[in-house]
Amino acid sequence: MKKFLTLAVAALIMCACNNTNSSTSDTTGSDLKCVKPLPAGFSPDSLTDCTVPAVFSTEDFDWTANTLHFKVYNKDLYDAIDIQQLSKGDTLVFQGQSIIVNQVNKDDGGYIIVNGGMEQGGADLMPYEGGTYRGTQLDDHAVYTLLGMATLPLATDLVMIDCGVEPNDPVDTIRTNVKAYIQKLEIHDNFNELNTELLIQNGKITQINRRWIP
């Protein structure tokens, strides 16, 4: 009987987290919270004026149609108050999974460590800009969520800001012959959500920005 009641409570908490609405902190009937990442603020179906983390390869450029087909991601940010008020029994949605909070600690760097951190199946969150916390992976990279796919036209004055092979290599800003520059890259060159952002203005891609990451 005790085991049944425990499973029932866990099921209720999971259902509350799976309820998709604009709130990032839902409260269950027992006053336990379910804290989710903040909404993206953009949709793959209507990318007009925004900057989005993206994944694509050189093969995803259609130079005849002058478009790029790419995966749209969002950086997982959380409301700072929601994270600071996490307590035992609450649920945190992290990397798409619902984590029942058993323990919350704060280290000297301001990180919030849930259930011992990622190495122990929990979560690590670091203070970020704008009154938020950012989900953090083991290598300190941000946590991202895939939102969907999109295809957008390339602006005629497309600019590419590209990193070098080594961390200390100078950054290249390509303003002319961007097509030729991209076509010279390896077919499966590394454009992913960790290192690449697309600047979109008036529904067109005006800038591709790739930074060096370890």
Protein backbone atom coordinates (compact mmCIF):
# COMPACT_ATOMS: atom_id res chain seq x y z
CA MET A 1 0.00 0.00 0.00
CA LYS A 2 2.82 2.42 0.91
CA LYS A 3 4.58 1.63 -2.38
CA PHE A 4 1.35 2.30 -4.30
CA LEU A 5 0.89 5.71 -2.65
CA THR A 6 4.50 6.70 -3.41
CA LEU A 7 4.08 5.79 -7.08
CA ALA A 8 0.81 7.68 -7.25
CA VAL A 9 2.36 10.88 -5.87
CA ALA A 10 5.27 10.62 -8.33
CA ALA A 11 2.82 10.14 -11.20
CA LEU A 12 0.88 13.26 -10.20
CA ILE A 13 4.07 15.33 -10.14
CA MET A 14 5.13 14.07 -13.57
CA CYS A 15 1.70 14.90 -15.00
CA ALA A 16 1.94 18.44 -13.65
CA CYS A 17 5.31 18.90 -15.38
CA ASN A 18 3.98 17.59 -18.67
CA ASN A 19 1.24 20.24 -18.72
CA THR A 20 2.44 22.61 -21.45
CA ASN A 21 1.58 26.23 -20.76
CA SER A 22 3.33 29.59 -20.58
CA SER A 23 4.11 29.29 -16.86
CA THR A 24 7.59 28.12 -15.90
CA SER A 25 6.68 27.21 -12.32
CA ASP A 26 3.55 25.13 -11.82
CA THR A 27 2.24 24.27 -8.37
CA THR A 28 0.68 20.92 -7.60
CA GLY A 29 -2.15 20.39 -5.13
CA SER A 30 0.39 19.68 -2.38
CA ASP A 31 2.16 23.04 -2.99
CA LEU A 32 5.11 21.34 -4.65
CA LYS A 33 6.52 23.24 -7.62
CA CYS A 34 7.44 22.07 -11.11
CA VAL A 35 10.10 24.41 -12.52
CA LYS A 36 10.60 24.43 -16.29
CA PRO A 37 12.85 26.41 -18.66
CA LEU A 38 11.58 29.84 -19.68
CA PRO A 39 9.76 30.04 -23.04
CA ALA A 40 12.02 30.61 -26.03
CA GLY A 41 10.42 33.83 -27.19
CA PHE A 42 10.45 32.60 -30.79
CA SER A 43 9.00 29.74 -32.82
CA PRO A 44 10.61 27.78 -35.68
CA ASP A 45 7.45 28.52 -37.69
CA SER A 46 7.78 32.30 -37.42
CA LEU A 47 11.41 33.41 -37.18
CA THR A 48 11.34 37.11 -38.02
CA ASP A 49 13.69 39.15 -35.82
CA CYS A 50 15.74 37.05 -33.41
CA THR A 51 19.02 35.29 -32.75
CA VAL A 52 18.79 31.50 -32.57
CA PRO A 53 21.25 28.69 -31.79
CA ALA A 54 21.26 26.44 -34.86
CA VAL A 55 22.55 23.14 -36.21
CA PHE A 56 23.31 22.55 -39.89
CA SER A 57 26.01 21.42 -42.29
CA THR A 58 27.32 22.90 -45.53
CA GLU A 59 24.99 20.52 -47.37
CA ASP A 60 21.97 22.32 -45.91
CA PHE A 61 22.60 25.42 -48.01
CA ASP A 62 20.55 25.59 -51.20
CA TRP A 63 22.48 28.06 -53.31
CA THR A 64 19.94 27.94 -56.13
CA ALA A 65 17.08 28.99 -53.88
CA ASN A 66 19.51 30.94 -51.66
CA THR A 67 18.18 29.34 -48.46
CA LEU A 68 19.43 27.47 -45.41
CA HIS A 69 17.65 24.52 -43.77
CA PHE A 70 18.53 24.18 -40.08
CA LYS A 71 17.52 22.87 -36.67
CA VAL A 72 16.33 25.54 -34.23
CA TYR A 73 17.41 25.33 -30.59
CA ASN A 74 16.78 27.36 -27.46
CA LYS A 75 19.15 27.89 -24.54
CA ASP A 76 17.56 26.54 -21.34
CA LEU A 77 17.20 29.46 -18.92
CA TYR A 78 15.26 29.46 -15.66
CA ASP A 79 13.74 32.24 -13.59
CA ALA A 80 16.21 33.00 -10.79
CA ILE A 81 13.54 33.15 -8.08
CA ASP A 82 12.14 29.76 -9.10
CA ILE A 83 15.62 28.20 -8.88
CA GLN A 84 16.55 29.89 -5.61
CA GLN A 85 13.31 28.67 -4.02
CA LEU A 86 13.68 25.04 -5.10
CA SER A 87 13.12 22.70 -2.19
CA LYS A 88 12.81 19.00 -1.48
CA GLY A 89 9.89 17.40 -3.27
CA ASP A 90 9.78 19.96 -6.11
CA THR A 91 10.35 18.90 -9.70
CA LEU A 92 12.93 20.42 -12.05
CA VAL A 93 12.68 19.85 -15.80
CA PHE A 94 16.31 19.56 -16.93
CA GLN A 95 17.53 18.33 -20.34
CA GLY A 96 13.95 17.32 -21.09
CA GLN A 97 13.72 15.07 -18.03
CA SER A 98 11.73 15.61 -14.82
CA ILE A 99 13.97 15.44 -11.75
CA ILE A 100 12.38 15.07 -8.32
CA VAL A 101 14.40 17.35 -6.02
CA ASN A 102 15.89 15.62 -2.99
CA GLN A 103 18.72 18.02 -2.20
CA VAL A 104 19.69 21.58 -3.20
CA ASN A 105 23.14 23.08 -2.55
CA LYS A 106 24.87 26.32 -3.54
CA ASP A 107 28.63 26.45 -4.09
CA ASP A 108 31.04 29.38 -3.69
CA GLY A 109 30.64 30.32 -7.36
CA GLY A 110 26.89 30.75 -7.02
CA TYR A 111 26.02 27.49 -8.79
CA ILE A 112 22.85 25.75 -7.69
CA ILE A 113 23.47 22.00 -7.49
CA VAL A 114 20.41 19.74 -7.46
CA ASN A 115 20.68 16.12 -6.27
CA GLY A 116 24.48 16.17 -6.34
CA GLY A 117 24.77 17.60 -9.85
CA MET A 118 24.83 15.98 -13.29
CA GLU A 119 27.48 13.43 -12.32
CA GLN A 120 24.97 11.94 -9.87
CA GLY A 121 21.91 12.23 -12.11
CA GLY A 122 20.95 15.69 -10.91
CA ALA A 123 21.41 19.16 -12.37
CA ASP A 124 23.86 22.08 -12.30
CA LEU A 125 22.65 25.64 -12.82
CA MET A 126 24.77 28.78 -12.97
CA PRO A 127 23.78 32.44 -12.48
CA TYR A 128 23.14 34.09 -15.83
CA GLU A 129 22.11 37.49 -17.16
CA GLY A 130 18.70 39.10 -16.82
CA GLY A 131 17.68 37.50 -13.54
CA THR A 132 18.03 33.93 -14.77
CA TYR A 133 19.95 30.72 -14.18
CA ARG A 134 21.37 28.68 -17.06
CA GLY A 135 21.35 24.90 -17.28
CA THR A 136 24.95 23.67 -17.45
CA GLN A 137 26.53 20.53 -18.87
CA LEU A 138 29.55 18.74 -17.43
CA ASP A 139 31.92 20.83 -19.58
CA ASP A 140 30.15 24.08 -18.57
CA HIS A 141 28.44 24.39 -21.96
CA ALA A 142 24.82 25.55 -21.83
CA VAL A 143 21.93 23.10 -22.06
CA TYR A 144 19.77 23.51 -25.18
CA THR A 145 16.37 22.23 -26.27
CA LEU A 146 15.51 21.37 -29.87
CA LEU A 147 12.42 23.33 -30.95
CA GLY A 148 12.08 22.20 -34.56
CA MET A 149 13.26 22.78 -38.13
CA ALA A 150 13.21 25.88 -40.30
CA THR A 151 14.20 27.01 -43.79
CA LEU A 152 14.92 30.69 -44.34
CA PRO A 153 16.30 32.83 -47.17
CA LEU A 154 19.83 34.20 -46.95
CA ALA A 155 20.20 37.98 -47.05
CA THR A 156 22.03 39.39 -50.06
CA ASP A 157 24.47 41.07 -47.67
CA LEU A 158 24.99 37.92 -45.55
CA VAL A 159 27.94 38.16 -43.16
CA MET A 160 29.77 35.21 -41.61
CA ILE A 161 31.84 35.59 -38.44
CA ASP A 162 33.95 32.48 -38.09
CA CYS A 163 36.39 31.16 -35.50
CA GLY A 164 39.78 29.67 -36.26
CA VAL A 165 40.86 26.08 -35.76
CA GLU A 166 42.77 26.90 -32.57
CA PRO A 167 41.37 28.90 -29.62
CA ASN A 168 43.86 31.75 -30.11
CA ASP A 169 43.32 32.04 -33.87
CA PRO A 170 41.90 35.41 -34.95
CA VAL A 171 38.19 35.61 -35.79
CA ASP A 172 37.41 36.03 -39.49
CA THR A 173 34.62 38.33 -40.65
CA ILE A 174 33.57 37.44 -44.19
CA ARG A 175 31.48 40.12 -45.90
CA THR A 176 32.08 39.23 -49.55
CA ASN A 177 32.11 35.86 -51.33
CA VAL A 178 30.43 34.21 -48.36
CA LYS A 179 29.12 31.45 -50.60
CA ALA A 180 32.63 30.59 -51.82
CA TYR A 181 33.93 30.59 -48.23
CA ILE A 182 31.24 28.19 -47.05
CA GLN A 183 31.61 25.90 -50.06
CA LYS A 184 35.31 25.44 -49.25
CA LEU A 185 34.50 24.12 -45.79
CA GLU A 186 34.32 20.41 -45.07
CA ILE A 187 30.92 18.88 -45.92
CA HIS A 188 30.24 17.94 -42.31
CA ASP A 189 31.95 20.92 -40.72
CA ASN A 190 30.87 21.63 -37.18
CA PHE A 191 27.90 24.01 -36.97
CA ASN A 192 25.97 23.12 -33.83
CA GLU A 193 23.90 24.69 -31.08
CA LEU A 194 26.96 25.05 -28.85
CA ASN A 195 29.00 27.17 -31.25
CA THR A 196 26.66 28.66 -33.87
CA GLU A 197 24.03 31.38 -33.82
CA LEU A 198 22.00 32.81 -36.68
CA LEU A 199 20.97 36.46 -36.67
CA ILE A 200 17.58 36.76 -38.37
CA GLN A 201 16.19 40.12 -39.46
CA ASN A 202 12.93 40.61 -41.35
CA GLY A 203 12.70 36.86 -41.88
CA LYS A 204 16.15 36.57 -43.52
CA ILE A 205 19.45 35.23 -42.21
CA THR A 206 21.78 38.22 -42.11
CA GLN A 207 24.63 36.77 -40.05
CA ILE A 208 26.14 33.37 -39.25
CA ASN A 209 28.28 33.54 -36.12
CA ARG A 210 30.42 30.57 -35.15
CA ARG A 211 32.65 30.70 -32.08
CA TRP A 212 35.45 28.40 -30.99
CA ILE A 213 34.61 25.87 -28.27
CA PRO A 214 36.82 23.16 -26.74
